[in-house]
């Protein structure tokens, strides 16, 4: 060390040299960097299927020499939300069971199922976090279905135009992409129609009355069929039979055959003799093998 002199000041300079090994150079510049990796796994992928090679995909061999890579240990930062495992030495991630999208709570009713599966690399000297996202691709493995095969809808004869009634809702175990996408109604009458509402990301069918029903002059019941279709190719469907029953309203009074009756009796008529017969007519409905139809029922009473 040599002094540096000046008119009024003497300054000593000290130089330190450090010789770093090849591995120490990587240790010196390593830090908890965060990588982002994304993988897509089809639903129902089998057990032990390779999902990712973290060592290769994060290109760690470009950052560290073999002697450093040999010290690495891979582990999940937290318990993964799906059945996967990781080899601690190689960083290879595989399925630990069949992947079922519908069994993962985070995926239910979501268009895209993205699951975080973060990986940490140790030892502490080379600590890194690898942010891994696994997307489970949905397949159309569930057909729509109705909870019941038939349903009954009762419509009062006095119901106003625009009245609507609940219909069965089809269920589907798939995600939104392949869930129920549309409904169709097969109906023999133009007085009843289908409307579909959207509630909480679900389609809800309803039956709407387009014009008043007259139970006495028309049918007193209708047989409809509701069909639900999903979003798959080919499309999967389900059907349910709907029986619409028109509930009678007391809008017809009994009718006598005559408005008035005159009877002449002999003074000697015995007690208990029939002196007059009165006939009353009432519109009712009969059920036959051809369906439900209006019918005229007569009732005859006698007076003594």
C-alpha atoms as a PDB file:
ATOM      1  CA  UNK A   1       0.000   0.000   0.000  1.00  0.00           C
ATOM      2  CA  UNK A   2       1.428   3.325  -1.069  1.00  0.00           C
ATOM      3  CA  UNK A   3       0.410   6.766   0.272  1.00  0.00           C
ATOM      4  CA  UNK A   4      -1.005   9.301  -2.106  1.00  0.00           C
ATOM      5  CA  UNK A   5       0.378  12.709  -1.176  1.00  0.00           C
ATOM      6  CA  UNK A   6      -0.818  16.165  -1.806  1.00  0.00           C
ATOM      7  CA  UNK A   7      -0.112  19.632  -0.494  1.00  0.00           C
ATOM      8  CA  UNK A   8      -2.350  19.275   2.557  1.00  0.00           C
ATOM      9  CA  UNK A   9      -3.729  15.670   2.480  1.00  0.00           C
ATOM     10  CA  UNK A  10      -2.434  12.127   2.572  1.00  0.00           C
ATOM     11  CA  UNK A  11      -4.939   9.406   1.457  1.00  0.00           C
ATOM     12  CA  UNK A  12      -4.412   5.654   1.796  1.00  0.00           C
ATOM     13  CA  UNK A  13      -6.242   3.437  -0.690  1.00  0.00           C
ATOM     14  CA  UNK A  14      -6.883  -0.180   0.162  1.00  0.00           C
ATOM     15  CA  UNK A  15      -7.975  -2.613  -2.547  1.00  0.00           C
ATOM     16  CA  UNK A  16      -9.631  -5.950  -1.665  1.00  0.00           C
ATOM     17  CA  UNK A  17      -9.769  -8.778  -4.153  1.00  0.00           C
ATOM     18  CA  UNK A  18     -12.082 -11.802  -3.777  1.00  0.00           C
ATOM     19  CA  UNK A  19     -11.776 -14.918  -5.861  1.00  0.00           C
ATOM     20  CA  UNK A  20     -15.188 -16.627  -6.183  1.00  0.00           C
ATOM     21  CA  UNK A  21     -15.625 -20.207  -7.205  1.00  0.00           C
ATOM     22  CA  UNK A  22     -17.891 -21.064 -10.181  1.00  0.00           C
ATOM     23  CA  UNK A  23     -20.721 -22.245  -7.869  1.00  0.00           C
ATOM     24  CA  UNK A  24     -20.312 -19.253  -5.555  1.00  0.00           C
ATOM     25  CA  UNK A  25     -20.871 -16.934  -8.511  1.00  0.00           C
ATOM     26  CA  UNK A  26     -24.395 -18.464  -8.966  1.00  0.00           C
ATOM     27  CA  UNK A  27     -24.979 -18.333  -5.224  1.00  0.00           C
ATOM     28  CA  UNK A  28     -24.055 -14.656  -5.204  1.00  0.00           C
ATOM     29  CA  UNK A  29     -26.581 -13.689  -7.886  1.00  0.00           C
ATOM     30  CA  UNK A  30     -29.422 -16.048  -6.919  1.00  0.00           C
ATOM     31  CA  UNK A  31     -32.531 -14.583  -5.321  1.00  0.00           C
ATOM     32  CA  UNK A  32     -36.167 -15.684  -4.787  1.00  0.00           C
ATOM     33  CA  UNK A  33     -37.209 -14.987  -8.363  1.00  0.00           C
ATOM     34  CA  UNK A  34     -40.744 -15.898  -9.426  1.00  0.00           C
ATOM     35  CA  UNK A  35     -41.404 -17.803 -12.623  1.00  0.00           C
ATOM     36  CA  UNK A  36     -44.843 -18.208 -14.249  1.00  0.00           C
ATOM     37  CA  UNK A  37     -45.742 -21.525 -15.885  1.00  0.00           C
ATOM     38  CA  UNK A  38     -49.128 -22.563 -17.303  1.00  0.00           C
ATOM     39  CA  UNK A  39     -50.300 -26.077 -18.188  1.00  0.00           C
ATOM     40  CA  UNK A  40     -53.537 -27.497 -19.628  1.00  0.00           C
ATOM     41  CA  UNK A  41     -54.700 -30.950 -18.506  1.00  0.00           C
ATOM     42  CA  UNK A  42     -57.773 -32.545 -20.146  1.00  0.00           C
ATOM     43  CA  UNK A  43     -60.446 -33.810 -17.795  1.00  0.00           C
ATOM     44  CA  UNK A  44     -60.231 -37.547 -16.987  1.00  0.00           C
ATOM     45  CA  UNK A  45     -56.477 -37.632 -17.568  1.00  0.00           C
ATOM     46  CA  UNK A  46     -55.301 -40.906 -16.043  1.00  0.00           C
ATOM     47  CA  UNK A  47     -53.106 -41.569 -13.038  1.00  0.00           C
ATOM     48  CA  UNK A  48     -49.305 -41.009 -13.285  1.00  0.00           C
ATOM     49  CA  UNK A  49     -49.622 -38.869 -16.408  1.00  0.00           C
ATOM     50  CA  UNK A  50     -46.816 -36.334 -16.732  1.00  0.00           C
ATOM     51  CA  UNK A  51     -48.079 -32.762 -16.323  1.00  0.00           C
ATOM     52  CA  UNK A  52     -44.909 -30.667 -16.141  1.00  0.00           C
ATOM     53  CA  UNK A  53     -41.119 -30.772 -15.961  1.00  0.00           C
ATOM     54  CA  UNK A  54     -40.375 -27.785 -13.749  1.00  0.00           C
ATOM     55  CA  UNK A  55     -36.596 -28.134 -14.106  1.00  0.00           C
ATOM     56  CA  UNK A  56     -36.763 -27.959 -17.904  1.00  0.00           C
ATOM     57  CA  UNK A  57     -39.750 -25.637 -18.326  1.00  0.00           C
ATOM     58  CA  UNK A  58     -38.278 -22.999 -15.995  1.00  0.00           C
ATOM     59  CA  UNK A  59     -34.957 -23.362 -17.894  1.00  0.00           C
ATOM     60  CA  UNK A  60     -33.025 -23.697 -14.659  1.00  0.00           C
ATOM     61  CA  UNK A  61     -30.109 -25.389 -16.439  1.00  0.00           C
ATOM     62  CA  UNK A  62     -29.389 -22.070 -18.134  1.00  0.00           C
ATOM     63  CA  UNK A  63     -29.078 -20.348 -14.777  1.00  0.00           C
ATOM     64  CA  UNK A  64     -27.179 -22.903 -12.704  1.00  0.00           C
ATOM     65  CA  UNK A  65     -24.368 -25.403 -13.324  1.00  0.00           C
ATOM     66  CA  UNK A  66     -24.934 -29.147 -12.816  1.00  0.00           C
ATOM     67  CA  UNK A  67     -23.326 -29.152  -9.365  1.00  0.00           C
ATOM     68  CA  UNK A  68     -25.890 -26.566  -8.186  1.00  0.00           C
ATOM     69  CA  UNK A  69     -28.851 -28.250  -9.881  1.00  0.00           C
ATOM     70  CA  UNK A  70     -27.938 -31.435  -8.064  1.00  0.00           C
ATOM     71  CA  UNK A  71     -28.647 -29.683  -4.751  1.00  0.00           C
ATOM     72  CA  UNK A  72     -32.155 -28.597  -5.708  1.00  0.00           C
ATOM     73  CA  UNK A  73     -35.222 -29.952  -3.960  1.00  0.00           C
ATOM     74  CA  UNK A  74     -38.733 -29.304  -5.327  1.00  0.00           C
ATOM     75  CA  UNK A  75     -41.890 -29.156  -3.208  1.00  0.00           C
ATOM     76  CA  UNK A  76     -45.375 -27.640  -3.258  1.00  0.00           C
ATOM     77  CA  UNK A  77     -45.789 -24.435  -1.283  1.00  0.00           C
ATOM     78  CA  UNK A  78     -49.205 -25.661  -0.146  1.00  0.00           C
ATOM     79  CA  UNK A  79     -51.427 -28.664  -0.645  1.00  0.00           C
ATOM     80  CA  UNK A  80     -52.509 -28.662  -4.327  1.00  0.00           C
ATOM     81  CA  UNK A  81     -56.260 -28.399  -5.091  1.00  0.00           C
ATOM     82  CA  UNK A  82     -56.123 -31.374  -7.467  1.00  0.00           C
ATOM     83  CA  UNK A  83     -54.506 -34.789  -7.500  1.00  0.00           C
ATOM     84  CA  UNK A  84     -50.898 -34.091  -8.541  1.00  0.00           C
ATOM     85  CA  UNK A  85     -47.487 -34.964  -7.105  1.00  0.00           C
ATOM     86  CA  UNK A  86     -43.964 -33.669  -7.710  1.00  0.00           C
ATOM     87  CA  UNK A  87     -40.651 -35.504  -7.639  1.00  0.00           C
ATOM     88  CA  UNK A  88     -38.397 -33.727  -5.156  1.00  0.00           C
ATOM     89  CA  UNK A  89     -35.190 -34.250  -7.138  1.00  0.00           C
ATOM     90  CA  UNK A  90     -36.245 -33.991 -10.800  1.00  0.00           C
ATOM     91  CA  UNK A  91     -39.106 -31.487 -10.462  1.00  0.00           C
ATOM     92  CA  UNK A  92     -41.349 -33.637 -12.664  1.00  0.00           C
ATOM     93  CA  UNK A  93     -45.041 -33.199 -11.825  1.00  0.00           C
ATOM     94  CA  UNK A  94     -47.505 -36.040 -12.457  1.00  0.00           C
ATOM     95  CA  UNK A  95     -51.160 -36.765 -11.800  1.00  0.00           C
ATOM     96  CA  UNK A  96     -51.812 -38.663  -8.583  1.00  0.00           C
ATOM     97  CA  UNK A  97     -55.200 -39.955  -9.709  1.00  0.00           C
ATOM     98  CA  UNK A  98     -57.785 -39.425 -12.420  1.00  0.00           C
ATOM     99  CA  UNK A  99     -58.559 -35.748 -12.975  1.00  0.00           C
ATOM    100  CA  UNK A 100     -62.280 -35.046 -12.550  1.00  0.00           C
ATOM    101  CA  UNK A 101     -63.168 -31.415 -13.179  1.00  0.00           C
ATOM    102  CA  UNK A 102     -66.613 -31.683 -11.604  1.00  0.00           C
ATOM    103  CA  UNK A 103     -65.081 -32.991  -8.358  1.00  0.00           C
ATOM    104  CA  UNK A 104     -62.958 -29.842  -7.883  1.00  0.00           C
ATOM    105  CA  UNK A 105     -64.954 -27.249  -5.924  1.00  0.00           C
ATOM    106  CA  UNK A 106     -63.059 -24.309  -7.407  1.00  0.00           C
ATOM    107  CA  UNK A 107     -64.151 -25.342 -10.912  1.00  0.00           C
ATOM    108  CA  UNK A 108     -67.883 -25.697 -10.420  1.00  0.00           C
ATOM    109  CA  UNK A 109     -69.958 -23.422 -12.660  1.00  0.00           C
ATOM    110  CA  UNK A 110     -66.824 -21.671 -13.966  1.00  0.00           C
ATOM    111  CA  UNK A 111     -66.069 -21.263 -17.652  1.00  0.00           C
ATOM    112  CA  UNK A 112     -62.311 -21.645 -17.105  1.00  0.00           C
ATOM    113  CA  UNK A 113     -60.873 -23.795 -14.337  1.00  0.00           C
ATOM    114  CA  UNK A 114     -57.469 -22.353 -13.348  1.00  0.00           C
ATOM    115  CA  UNK A 115     -55.819 -23.888 -10.282  1.00  0.00           C
ATOM    116  CA  UNK A 116     -52.662 -22.492  -8.600  1.00  0.00           C
ATOM    117  CA  UNK A 117     -50.040 -25.151  -7.826  1.00  0.00           C
ATOM    118  CA  UNK A 118     -46.993 -23.169  -6.686  1.00  0.00           C
ATOM    119  CA  UNK A 119     -43.606 -24.896  -6.396  1.00  0.00           C
ATOM    120  CA  UNK A 120     -40.693 -23.883  -4.149  1.00  0.00           C
ATOM    121  CA  UNK A 121     -37.033 -24.703  -4.797  1.00  0.00           C
ATOM    122  CA  UNK A 122     -34.585 -25.195  -1.949  1.00  0.00           C
ATOM    123  CA  UNK A 123     -31.996 -25.018  -0.350  1.00  0.00           C
ATOM    124  CA  UNK A 124     -32.322 -21.506   0.982  1.00  0.00           C
ATOM    125  CA  UNK A 125     -29.200 -20.358  -0.831  1.00  0.00           C
ATOM    126  CA  UNK A 126     -30.979 -20.933  -4.153  1.00  0.00           C
ATOM    127  CA  UNK A 127     -34.558 -20.402  -3.052  1.00  0.00           C
ATOM    128  CA  UNK A 128     -36.961 -19.709  -5.899  1.00  0.00           C
ATOM    129  CA  UNK A 129     -40.742 -19.764  -6.304  1.00  0.00           C
ATOM    130  CA  UNK A 130     -42.274 -21.185  -9.463  1.00  0.00           C
ATOM    131  CA  UNK A 131     -45.864 -19.995  -9.947  1.00  0.00           C
ATOM    132  CA  UNK A 132     -47.636 -22.872 -11.664  1.00  0.00           C
ATOM    133  CA  UNK A 133     -51.203 -22.688 -12.988  1.00  0.00           C
ATOM    134  CA  UNK A 134     -52.969 -25.854 -14.121  1.00  0.00           C
ATOM    135  CA  UNK A 135     -56.065 -25.489 -16.284  1.00  0.00           C
ATOM    136  CA  UNK A 136     -58.444 -28.454 -16.367  1.00  0.00           C
ATOM    137  CA  UNK A 137     -60.024 -28.573 -19.828  1.00  0.00           C
ATOM    138  CA  UNK A 138     -63.651 -29.648 -19.622  1.00  0.00           C
ATOM    139  CA  UNK A 139     -65.121 -32.394 -21.818  1.00  0.00           C
ATOM    140  CA  UNK A 140     -68.785 -33.111 -22.474  1.00  0.00           C
ATOM    141  CA  UNK A 141     -69.025 -36.229 -20.335  1.00  0.00           C
ATOM    142  CA  UNK A 142     -72.444 -35.553 -18.777  1.00  0.00           C
ATOM    143  CA  UNK A 143     -75.819 -35.440 -20.505  1.00  0.00           C
ATOM    144  CA  UNK A 144     -78.597 -33.137 -19.253  1.00  0.00           C
ATOM    145  CA  UNK A 145     -81.321 -34.767 -17.180  1.00  0.00           C
ATOM    146  CA  UNK A 146     -84.590 -33.832 -15.495  1.00  0.00           C
ATOM    147  CA  UNK A 147     -85.197 -34.919 -11.889  1.00  0.00           C
ATOM    148  CA  UNK A 148     -88.577 -36.359 -12.919  1.00  0.00           C
ATOM    149  CA  UNK A 149     -89.980 -37.958 -16.075  1.00  0.00           C
ATOM    150  CA  UNK A 150     -93.358 -36.140 -15.942  1.00  0.00           C
ATOM    151  CA  UNK A 151     -94.659 -32.945 -14.400  1.00  0.00           C
ATOM    152  CA  UNK A 152     -98.126 -31.425 -13.935  1.00  0.00           C
ATOM    153  CA  UNK A 153     -98.905 -27.740 -14.427  1.00  0.00           C
ATOM    154  CA  UNK A 154    -102.313 -26.482 -13.327  1.00  0.00           C
ATOM    155  CA  UNK A 155    -103.683 -23.401 -15.111  1.00  0.00           C
ATOM    156  CA  UNK A 156    -106.896 -21.832 -13.925  1.00  0.00           C
ATOM    157  CA  UNK A 157    -109.498 -21.183 -16.579  1.00  0.00           C
ATOM    158  CA  UNK A 158    -109.701 -17.587 -15.348  1.00  0.00           C
ATOM    159  CA  UNK A 159    -105.912 -16.996 -15.651  1.00  0.00           C
ATOM    160  CA  UNK A 160    -105.009 -13.773 -17.473  1.00  0.00           C
ATOM    161  CA  UNK A 161    -102.912 -13.558 -20.601  1.00  0.00           C
ATOM    162  CA  UNK A 162     -99.240 -13.290 -19.707  1.00  0.00           C
ATOM    163  CA  UNK A 163     -99.481 -15.514 -16.648  1.00  0.00           C
ATOM    164  CA  UNK A 164     -96.432 -17.761 -16.338  1.00  0.00           C
ATOM    165  CA  UNK A 165     -95.823 -21.079 -14.611  1.00  0.00           C
ATOM    166  CA  UNK A 166     -92.751 -22.947 -13.427  1.00  0.00           C
ATOM    167  CA  UNK A 167     -91.384 -25.810 -15.503  1.00  0.00           C
ATOM    168  CA  UNK A 168     -88.810 -28.436 -14.510  1.00  0.00           C
ATOM    169  CA  UNK A 169     -85.176 -27.271 -14.789  1.00  0.00           C
ATOM    170  CA  UNK A 170     -82.683 -29.635 -16.419  1.00  0.00           C
ATOM    171  CA  UNK A 171     -79.470 -30.432 -14.576  1.00  0.00           C
ATOM    172  CA  UNK A 172     -76.032 -31.086 -16.074  1.00  0.00           C
ATOM    173  CA  UNK A 173     -72.818 -32.116 -14.322  1.00  0.00           C
ATOM    174  CA  UNK A 174     -70.538 -30.390 -16.848  1.00  0.00           C
ATOM    175  CA  UNK A 175     -69.111 -26.886 -16.646  1.00  0.00           C
ATOM    176  CA  UNK A 176     -70.788 -23.854 -18.253  1.00  0.00           C
ATOM    177  CA  UNK A 177     -69.352 -24.577 -21.716  1.00  0.00           C
ATOM    178  CA  UNK A 178     -71.135 -27.938 -21.952  1.00  0.00           C
ATOM    179  CA  UNK A 179     -74.070 -27.334 -19.618  1.00  0.00           C
ATOM    180  CA  UNK A 180     -77.679 -26.733 -20.748  1.00  0.00           C
ATOM    181  CA  UNK A 181     -77.675 -24.094 -23.506  1.00  0.00           C
ATOM    182  CA  UNK A 182     -81.286 -24.086 -24.730  1.00  0.00           C
ATOM    183  CA  UNK A 183     -84.821 -25.429 -24.221  1.00  0.00           C
ATOM    184  CA  UNK A 184     -87.527 -26.337 -26.711  1.00  0.00           C
ATOM    185  CA  UNK A 185     -91.246 -26.965 -26.120  1.00  0.00           C
ATOM    186  CA  UNK A 186     -93.452 -29.223 -28.230  1.00  0.00           C
ATOM    187  CA  UNK A 187     -97.060 -28.071 -27.805  1.00  0.00           C
ATOM    188  CA  UNK A 188    -100.357 -28.860 -29.591  1.00  0.00           C
ATOM    189  CA  UNK A 189    -101.766 -25.413 -28.844  1.00  0.00           C
ATOM    190  CA  UNK A 190    -100.746 -21.879 -29.712  1.00  0.00           C
ATOM    191  CA  UNK A 191    -102.159 -20.604 -26.422  1.00  0.00           C
ATOM    192  CA  UNK A 192     -99.191 -21.856 -24.426  1.00  0.00           C
ATOM    193  CA  UNK A 193     -95.566 -20.983 -25.139  1.00  0.00           C
ATOM    194  CA  UNK A 194     -92.099 -21.312 -23.662  1.00  0.00           C
ATOM    195  CA  UNK A 195     -90.030 -18.481 -22.223  1.00  0.00           C
ATOM    196  CA  UNK A 196     -86.492 -18.976 -20.888  1.00  0.00           C
ATOM    197  CA  UNK A 197     -85.003 -16.751 -18.205  1.00  0.00           C
ATOM    198  CA  UNK A 198     -81.378 -16.487 -17.063  1.00  0.00           C
ATOM    199  CA  UNK A 199     -80.841 -16.734 -13.307  1.00  0.00           C
ATOM    200  CA  UNK A 200     -77.458 -17.087 -11.602  1.00  0.00           C
ATOM    201  CA  UNK A 201     -75.834 -18.224 -14.866  1.00  0.00           C
ATOM    202  CA  UNK A 202     -78.528 -20.880 -15.372  1.00  0.00           C
ATOM    203  CA  UNK A 203     -81.362 -21.090 -17.889  1.00  0.00           C
ATOM    204  CA  UNK A 204     -84.795 -21.419 -16.273  1.00  0.00           C
ATOM    205  CA  UNK A 205     -87.784 -22.422 -18.467  1.00  0.00           C
ATOM    206  CA  UNK A 206     -91.311 -21.143 -17.810  1.00  0.00           C
ATOM    207  CA  UNK A 207     -94.688 -21.710 -19.432  1.00  0.00           C
ATOM    208  CA  UNK A 208     -96.542 -18.551 -20.467  1.00  0.00           C
ATOM    209  CA  UNK A 209    -100.229 -18.136 -21.322  1.00  0.00           C
ATOM    210  CA  UNK A 210    -100.667 -16.309 -24.639  1.00  0.00           C
ATOM    211  CA  UNK A 211    -104.494 -16.210 -24.697  1.00  0.00           C
ATOM    212  CA  UNK A 212    -107.334 -17.132 -22.298  1.00  0.00           C
ATOM    213  CA  UNK A 213    -108.442 -20.754 -21.959  1.00  0.00           C
ATOM    214  CA  UNK A 214    -112.077 -21.835 -22.105  1.00  0.00           C
ATOM    215  CA  UNK A 215    -112.521 -25.173 -20.424  1.00  0.00           C
ATOM    216  CA  UNK A 216    -116.058 -25.718 -21.645  1.00  0.00           C
ATOM    217  CA  UNK A 217    -115.499 -25.049 -25.347  1.00  0.00           C
ATOM    218  CA  UNK A 218    -111.950 -26.373 -25.737  1.00  0.00           C
ATOM    219  CA  UNK A 219    -109.653 -29.006 -24.340  1.00  0.00           C
ATOM    220  CA  UNK A 220    -109.398 -29.175 -20.571  1.00  0.00           C
ATOM    221  CA  UNK A 221    -105.850 -30.477 -20.672  1.00  0.00           C
ATOM    222  CA  UNK A 222    -102.778 -30.439 -22.917  1.00  0.00           C
ATOM    223  CA  UNK A 223     -99.843 -32.789 -23.233  1.00  0.00           C
ATOM    224  CA  UNK A 224     -96.534 -30.957 -23.820  1.00  0.00           C
ATOM    225  CA  UNK A 225     -92.916 -32.075 -24.066  1.00  0.00           C
ATOM    226  CA  UNK A 226     -89.990 -30.006 -22.811  1.00  0.00           C
ATOM    227  CA  UNK A 227     -86.497 -30.726 -24.213  1.00  0.00           C
ATOM    228  CA  UNK A 228     -83.126 -29.492 -22.882  1.00  0.00           C
ATOM    229  CA  UNK A 229     -79.923 -29.405 -24.991  1.00  0.00           C
ATOM    230  CA  UNK A 230     -76.324 -28.977 -23.862  1.00  0.00           C
ATOM    231  CA  UNK A 231     -73.426 -27.233 -25.615  1.00  0.00           C
ATOM    232  CA  UNK A 232     -71.513 -30.283 -26.779  1.00  0.00           C
ATOM    233  CA  UNK A 233     -70.844 -31.586 -30.283  1.00  0.00           C
ATOM    234  CA  UNK A 234     -72.679 -33.827 -30.743  1.00  0.00           C
ATOM    235  CA  UNK A 235     -75.400 -32.301 -28.599  1.00  0.00           C
ATOM    236  CA  UNK A 236     -76.753 -34.317 -25.683  1.00  0.00           C
ATOM    237  CA  UNK A 237     -80.409 -33.840 -24.710  1.00  0.00           C
ATOM    238  CA  UNK A 238     -83.094 -34.781 -22.200  1.00  0.00           C
ATOM    239  CA  UNK A 239     -86.904 -34.586 -22.257  1.00  0.00           C
ATOM    240  CA  UNK A 240     -89.730 -34.386 -19.740  1.00  0.00           C
ATOM    241  CA  UNK A 241     -93.487 -34.732 -20.361  1.00  0.00           C
ATOM    242  CA  UNK A 242     -95.670 -31.860 -19.150  1.00  0.00           C
ATOM    243  CA  UNK A 243     -99.387 -32.367 -18.467  1.00  0.00           C
ATOM    244  CA  UNK A 244    -101.224 -29.052 -18.360  1.00  0.00           C
ATOM    245  CA  UNK A 245    -104.564 -29.269 -16.586  1.00  0.00           C
ATOM    246  CA  UNK A 246    -107.050 -26.444 -17.020  1.00  0.00           C
ATOM    247  CA  UNK A 247    -108.689 -25.928 -13.640  1.00  0.00           C
ATOM    248  CA  UNK A 248    -112.430 -25.212 -13.902  1.00  0.00           C
ATOM    249  CA  UNK A 249    -113.907 -21.921 -12.795  1.00  0.00           C
ATOM    250  CA  UNK A 250    -117.509 -21.717 -11.609  1.00  0.00           C
ATOM    251  CA  UNK A 251    -118.622 -19.698 -14.636  1.00  0.00           C
ATOM    252  CA  UNK A 252    -121.686 -21.783 -15.657  1.00  0.00           C
ATOM    253  CA  UNK A 253    -124.929 -22.104 -13.698  1.00  0.00           C
ATOM    254  CA  UNK A 254    -127.258 -25.097 -13.906  1.00  0.00           C
ATOM    255  CA  UNK A 255    -129.952 -24.736 -16.599  1.00  0.00           C
ATOM    256  CA  UNK A 256    -133.559 -25.952 -16.183  1.00  0.00           C
ATOM    257  CA  UNK A 257    -135.404 -27.366 -19.173  1.00  0.00           C
ATOM    258  CA  UNK A 258    -138.110 -24.750 -18.674  1.00  0.00           C
ATOM    259  CA  UNK A 259    -138.229 -21.453 -16.887  1.00  0.00           C
ATOM    260  CA  UNK A 260    -141.579 -22.303 -15.213  1.00  0.00           C
ATOM    261  CA  UNK A 261    -143.776 -25.348 -14.611  1.00  0.00           C
ATOM    262  CA  UNK A 262    -147.585 -25.532 -14.152  1.00  0.00           C
ATOM    263  CA  UNK A 263    -149.183 -28.637 -12.673  1.00  0.00           C
ATOM    264  CA  UNK A 264    -152.890 -29.453 -12.204  1.00  0.00           C
ATOM    265  CA  UNK A 265    -153.665 -31.944  -9.456  1.00  0.00           C
ATOM    266  CA  UNK A 266    -156.825 -33.859  -8.745  1.00  0.00           C
ATOM    267  CA  UNK A 267    -158.027 -33.601  -5.211  1.00  0.00           C
ATOM    268  CA  UNK A 268    -158.020 -37.379  -4.951  1.00  0.00           C
ATOM    269  CA  UNK A 269    -154.320 -37.904  -5.935  1.00  0.00           C
ATOM    270  CA  UNK A 270    -152.777 -40.383  -3.451  1.00  0.00           C
ATOM    271  CA  UNK A 271    -149.896 -39.312  -1.259  1.00  0.00           C
ATOM    272  CA  UNK A 272    -146.509 -40.170  -2.863  1.00  0.00           C
ATOM    273  CA  UNK A 273    -147.638 -39.867  -6.445  1.00  0.00           C
ATOM    274  CA  UNK A 274    -145.227 -38.291  -8.993  1.00  0.00           C
ATOM    275  CA  UNK A 275    -146.800 -35.048 -10.136  1.00  0.00           C
ATOM    276  CA  UNK A 276    -143.933 -33.360 -12.083  1.00  0.00           C
ATOM    277  CA  UNK A 277    -140.392 -34.105 -13.418  1.00  0.00           C
ATOM    278  CA  UNK A 278    -137.819 -31.289 -13.566  1.00  0.00           C
ATOM    279  CA  UNK A 279    -134.675 -31.686 -15.734  1.00  0.00           C
ATOM    280  CA  UNK A 280    -131.467 -29.712 -15.008  1.00  0.00           C
ATOM    281  CA  UNK A 281    -128.525 -29.564 -17.432  1.00  0.00           C
ATOM    282  CA  UNK A 282    -124.910 -28.829 -16.426  1.00  0.00           C
ATOM    283  CA  UNK A 283    -121.812 -28.685 -18.610  1.00  0.00           C
ATOM    284  CA  UNK A 284    -119.167 -31.036 -17.251  1.00  0.00           C
ATOM    285  CA  UNK A 285    -116.254 -32.987 -18.622  1.00  0.00           C
ATOM    286  CA  UNK A 286    -115.702 -36.626 -19.319  1.00  0.00           C
ATOM    287  CA  UNK A 287    -112.453 -38.497 -19.733  1.00  0.00           C
ATOM    288  CA  UNK A 288    -112.413 -41.067 -22.509  1.00  0.00           C
ATOM    289  CA  UNK A 289    -109.772 -42.971 -24.443  1.00  0.00           C
ATOM    290  CA  UNK A 290    -109.626 -40.016 -26.828  1.00  0.00           C
ATOM    291  CA  UNK A 291    -108.794 -37.495 -24.110  1.00  0.00           C
ATOM    292  CA  UNK A 292    -110.781 -35.054 -22.010  1.00  0.00           C
ATOM    293  CA  UNK A 293    -113.858 -33.538 -23.683  1.00  0.00           C
ATOM    294  CA  UNK A 294    -116.818 -31.416 -22.581  1.00  0.00           C
ATOM    295  CA  UNK A 295    -120.133 -33.205 -22.079  1.00  0.00           C
ATOM    296  CA  UNK A 296    -123.729 -32.234 -21.293  1.00  0.00           C
ATOM    297  CA  UNK A 297    -125.035 -33.946 -18.169  1.00  0.00           C
ATOM    298  CA  UNK A 298    -128.751 -33.928 -17.366  1.00  0.00           C
ATOM    299  CA  UNK A 299    -130.377 -34.642 -14.049  1.00  0.00           C
ATOM    300  CA  UNK A 300    -134.050 -35.331 -13.565  1.00  0.00           C
ATOM    301  CA  UNK A 301    -135.843 -34.766 -10.283  1.00  0.00           C
ATOM    302  CA  UNK A 302    -139.440 -35.301  -9.423  1.00  0.00           C
ATOM    303  CA  UNK A 303    -141.724 -33.698  -6.971  1.00  0.00           C
ATOM    304  CA  UNK A 304    -144.597 -35.319  -5.112  1.00  0.00           C
END
